[in-house]
Amino acid sequence: MTPRDAQDKAERRTSPRVAADVSLRLAGRRFYITYKGDVSAGGVFLTTAIPLARGERVELKFVLPDRTEIDAEGVVLNQRPEEAGLGVGVKFTKMDARCLEALKACIAAQAGG
């Protein structure tokens, strides 16, 4: 990734993020695969070796740094090559209020606010 690519990527992000291990399950499959991800209140960006189609629905599970467990559903918005595989952006489509508030609180705490 060039410095310009990194700057463009940072400028597209509108929400603060927190790092987390994200477990992803594709619709109709029985297993989860865990990846390192950057999580915001609106979605997650992760790097995977598995190509995911735009519009594909996924189930997500992750544990925040404060040990809060989060369950969510999402849809793949985009995919692009990364050094370690494919970068995939997933937008949350379903998350209960408790999980969303815990996620926002954790992000705010890490951002110092």
C-alpha atoms as a PDB file:
ATOM      1  CA  MET A   1       0.000   0.000   0.000  1.00  0.00           C
ATOM      2  CA  THR A   2       1.410   3.389  -0.959  1.00  0.00           C
ATOM      3  CA  PRO A   3       1.308   6.359   1.438  1.00  0.00           C
ATOM      4  CA  ARG A   4      -1.402   7.895  -0.793  1.00  0.00           C
ATOM      5  CA  ASP A   5      -3.488   4.687  -0.574  1.00  0.00           C
ATOM      6  CA  ALA A   6      -3.191   4.741   3.217  1.00  0.00           C
ATOM      7  CA  GLN A   7      -4.237   8.406   3.319  1.00  0.00           C
ATOM      8  CA  ASP A   8      -7.228   7.733   1.028  1.00  0.00           C
ATOM      9  CA  LYS A   9      -8.255   4.769   3.186  1.00  0.00           C
ATOM     10  CA  ALA A  10      -8.068   6.853   6.368  1.00  0.00           C
ATOM     11  CA  GLU A  11     -10.084   9.675   4.788  1.00  0.00           C
ATOM     12  CA  ARG A  12     -12.916   7.298   3.789  1.00  0.00           C
ATOM     13  CA  ARG A  13     -13.392   6.150   7.367  1.00  0.00           C
ATOM     14  CA  THR A  14     -15.978   8.270   9.119  1.00  0.00           C
ATOM     15  CA  SER A  15     -16.041   6.430  12.440  1.00  0.00           C
ATOM     16  CA  PRO A  16     -13.337   5.664  14.993  1.00  0.00           C
ATOM     17  CA  ARG A  17     -12.278   2.010  15.073  1.00  0.00           C
ATOM     18  CA  VAL A  18     -11.046  -0.592  17.525  1.00  0.00           C
ATOM     19  CA  ALA A  19      -8.917  -3.659  16.736  1.00  0.00           C
ATOM     20  CA  ALA A  20     -10.510  -7.050  17.454  1.00  0.00           C
ATOM     21  CA  ASP A  21     -10.308 -10.685  16.425  1.00  0.00           C
ATOM     22  CA  VAL A  22     -13.427 -11.151  14.289  1.00  0.00           C
ATOM     23  CA  SER A  23     -14.982 -14.566  13.664  1.00  0.00           C
ATOM     24  CA  LEU A  24     -16.935 -14.696  10.432  1.00  0.00           C
ATOM     25  CA  ARG A  25     -19.387 -17.341   9.255  1.00  0.00           C
ATOM     26  CA  LEU A  26     -20.737 -17.408   5.749  1.00  0.00           C
ATOM     27  CA  ALA A  27     -24.463 -17.910   5.391  1.00  0.00           C
ATOM     28  CA  GLY A  28     -25.340 -21.593   5.314  1.00  0.00           C
ATOM     29  CA  ARG A  29     -22.004 -22.813   6.677  1.00  0.00           C
ATOM     30  CA  ARG A  30     -21.456 -24.376  10.084  1.00  0.00           C
ATOM     31  CA  PHE A  31     -18.065 -22.970  11.008  1.00  0.00           C
ATOM     32  CA  TYR A  32     -16.538 -19.619  11.848  1.00  0.00           C
ATOM     33  CA  ILE A  33     -13.125 -18.408  10.670  1.00  0.00           C
ATOM     34  CA  THR A  34     -11.281 -15.833  12.806  1.00  0.00           C
ATOM     35  CA  TYR A  35      -9.412 -12.840  11.380  1.00  0.00           C
ATOM     36  CA  LYS A  36      -7.803  -9.666  12.698  1.00  0.00           C
ATOM     37  CA  GLY A  37     -10.128  -6.766  12.035  1.00  0.00           C
ATOM     38  CA  ASP A  38     -10.775  -3.076  12.552  1.00  0.00           C
ATOM     39  CA  VAL A  39     -14.281  -2.580  13.928  1.00  0.00           C
ATOM     40  CA  SER A  40     -16.368   0.604  13.908  1.00  0.00           C
ATOM     41  CA  ALA A  41     -19.969   1.171  14.951  1.00  0.00           C
ATOM     42  CA  GLY A  42     -20.989   0.699  11.311  1.00  0.00           C
ATOM     43  CA  GLY A  43     -18.977  -2.323  10.256  1.00  0.00           C
ATOM     44  CA  VAL A  44     -15.668  -4.133  10.092  1.00  0.00           C
ATOM     45  CA  PHE A  45     -12.691  -4.286   7.768  1.00  0.00           C
ATOM     46  CA  LEU A  46     -10.725  -7.537   7.793  1.00  0.00           C
ATOM     47  CA  THR A  47      -8.164  -9.376   5.715  1.00  0.00           C
ATOM     48  CA  THR A  48      -9.083 -12.858   4.527  1.00  0.00           C
ATOM     49  CA  ALA A  49      -7.777 -15.520   2.178  1.00  0.00           C
ATOM     50  CA  ILE A  50     -11.354 -16.412   1.179  1.00  0.00           C
ATOM     51  CA  PRO A  51     -12.921 -14.321  -1.586  1.00  0.00           C
ATOM     52  CA  LEU A  52     -16.273 -12.893  -0.515  1.00  0.00           C
ATOM     53  CA  ALA A  53     -18.751 -11.583  -3.069  1.00  0.00           C
ATOM     54  CA  ARG A  54     -20.200  -8.102  -2.799  1.00  0.00           C
ATOM     55  CA  GLY A  55     -23.650  -8.446  -1.251  1.00  0.00           C
ATOM     56  CA  GLU A  56     -22.812 -11.750   0.470  1.00  0.00           C
ATOM     57  CA  ARG A  57     -24.374 -12.028   3.929  1.00  0.00           C
ATOM     58  CA  VAL A  58     -22.222 -13.059   6.880  1.00  0.00           C
ATOM     59  CA  GLU A  59     -22.554 -13.662  10.609  1.00  0.00           C
ATOM     60  CA  LEU A  60     -19.928 -12.073  12.849  1.00  0.00           C
ATOM     61  CA  LYS A  61     -18.776 -12.720  16.404  1.00  0.00           C
ATOM     62  CA  PHE A  62     -16.040 -10.824  18.180  1.00  0.00           C
ATOM     63  CA  VAL A  63     -14.797  -9.948  21.629  1.00  0.00           C
ATOM     64  CA  LEU A  64     -13.915  -6.348  22.365  1.00  0.00           C
ATOM     65  CA  PRO A  65     -10.742  -5.464  24.276  1.00  0.00           C
ATOM     66  CA  ASP A  66     -12.927  -5.005  27.396  1.00  0.00           C
ATOM     67  CA  ARG A  67     -14.069  -8.661  26.923  1.00  0.00           C
ATOM     68  CA  THR A  68     -17.618  -7.807  25.784  1.00  0.00           C
ATOM     69  CA  GLU A  69     -18.891 -10.423  23.340  1.00  0.00           C
ATOM     70  CA  ILE A  70     -20.575  -9.020  20.229  1.00  0.00           C
ATOM     71  CA  ASP A  71     -22.831 -10.856  17.771  1.00  0.00           C
ATOM     72  CA  ALA A  72     -23.833  -9.195  14.510  1.00  0.00           C
ATOM     73  CA  GLU A  73     -24.903  -9.822  10.956  1.00  0.00           C
ATOM     74  CA  GLY A  74     -23.527  -7.989   7.964  1.00  0.00           C
ATOM     75  CA  VAL A  75     -23.214  -7.698   4.235  1.00  0.00           C
ATOM     76  CA  VAL A  76     -19.998  -7.510   2.202  1.00  0.00           C
ATOM     77  CA  LEU A  77     -19.632  -4.037   0.669  1.00  0.00           C
ATOM     78  CA  ASN A  78     -16.265  -4.329  -1.042  1.00  0.00           C
ATOM     79  CA  GLN A  79     -13.123  -6.355  -1.484  1.00  0.00           C
ATOM     80  CA  ARG A  80      -9.618  -5.353  -2.548  1.00  0.00           C
ATOM     81  CA  PRO A  81      -6.138  -6.893  -2.649  1.00  0.00           C
ATOM     82  CA  GLU A  82      -4.012  -6.420   0.488  1.00  0.00           C
ATOM     83  CA  GLU A  83      -0.466  -7.567   1.265  1.00  0.00           C
ATOM     84  CA  ALA A  84      -1.729 -10.421   3.454  1.00  0.00           C
ATOM     85  CA  GLY A  85      -4.727 -11.466   1.318  1.00  0.00           C
ATOM     86  CA  LEU A  86      -7.996  -9.784   0.428  1.00  0.00           C
ATOM     87  CA  GLY A  87      -9.258  -6.764   2.332  1.00  0.00           C
ATOM     88  CA  VAL A  88     -13.005  -7.032   2.901  1.00  0.00           C
ATOM     89  CA  GLY A  89     -15.367  -4.328   4.143  1.00  0.00           C
ATOM     90  CA  VAL A  90     -18.520  -5.572   5.874  1.00  0.00           C
ATOM     91  CA  LYS A  91     -21.403  -3.291   6.885  1.00  0.00           C
ATOM     92  CA  PHE A  92     -23.400  -4.326   9.954  1.00  0.00           C
ATOM     93  CA  THR A  93     -27.040  -5.003   9.109  1.00  0.00           C
ATOM     94  CA  LYS A  94     -28.156  -6.388  12.474  1.00  0.00           C
ATOM     95  CA  MET A  95     -26.815  -5.911  16.000  1.00  0.00           C
ATOM     96  CA  ASP A  96     -28.837  -5.684  19.195  1.00  0.00           C
ATOM     97  CA  ALA A  97     -28.847  -2.404  21.120  1.00  0.00           C
ATOM     98  CA  ARG A  98     -26.769  -3.796  24.006  1.00  0.00           C
ATOM     99  CA  CYS A  99     -23.970  -4.865  21.657  1.00  0.00           C
ATOM    100  CA  LEU A 100     -24.044  -1.582  19.739  1.00  0.00           C
ATOM    101  CA  GLU A 101     -23.819   0.493  22.919  1.00  0.00           C
ATOM    102  CA  ALA A 102     -20.968  -1.682  24.246  1.00  0.00           C
ATOM    103  CA  LEU A 103     -19.114  -1.301  20.936  1.00  0.00           C
ATOM    104  CA  LYS A 104     -19.554   2.484  20.928  1.00  0.00           C
ATOM    105  CA  ALA A 105     -18.419   2.723  24.569  1.00  0.00           C
ATOM    106  CA  CYS A 106     -15.305   0.640  23.884  1.00  0.00           C
ATOM    107  CA  ILE A 107     -14.395   2.718  20.828  1.00  0.00           C
ATOM    108  CA  ALA A 108     -14.900   5.948  22.792  1.00  0.00           C
ATOM    109  CA  ALA A 109     -12.755   4.668  25.667  1.00  0.00           C
ATOM    110  CA  GLN A 110      -9.918   3.741  23.310  1.00  0.00           C
ATOM    111  CA  ALA A 111     -10.185   7.121  21.584  1.00  0.00           C
ATOM    112  CA  GLY A 112      -9.821   8.823  24.957  1.00  0.00           C
ATOM    113  CA  GLY A 113     -13.338  10.198  25.078  1.00  0.00           C
END
